[in-house]
Amino acid sequence: MESKSAKSFFLEQTEKLIEYLLKELPNDVNIKMFNEKYYLIKKTNSAMIINAFIKFVLPQKDKIFNRDEDYFMNGGGQEKLKQDKYKDKYQYSLDLKENWKNLSEEQKEIIWKYFKILIILAEKHVKHLIESSVGK
């Protein structure tokens, strides 16, 4: 899978996750704001979305693959994101901290699956970038 395809599929899956969260948590202002910011950024610089995921979420891969609920209960890496020099660009990050404890096991399972898919796609994107830069 080429990086462009991985990136496109990554964006598609991110949108599906957002749609799911909006449906399941319709009163969550953070998710609504994240949705608006996501589409704004996607129109202007879609690479920023996957790059932010690679920088702030991918390092947490083990927690996500092991379904460590502390990942979401502790803000899902939001603390590092908020300290980053580009924090203004990520002002409305996806933070499930407030909702995580109230989600059903089925809802949590679906969210874990989305994050796992996003990690796999982000890794494929990174692999392609590396291979492209060394001339394969």
Foldseek 3Di string as FASTA:
>chain_A
DALVVLLVVLLVLVVVLLVVCCVVPVPDPLSVVQVVLQVVCCVPPSVVVLVVCVVQQLVVLVCLVVVPCCCQLVFVRVVVLCVDPVVVSCVRPDHCNVPPVVDDPVVSVVVSVSSNSSNVSSVNNVVNVVCVVVVD
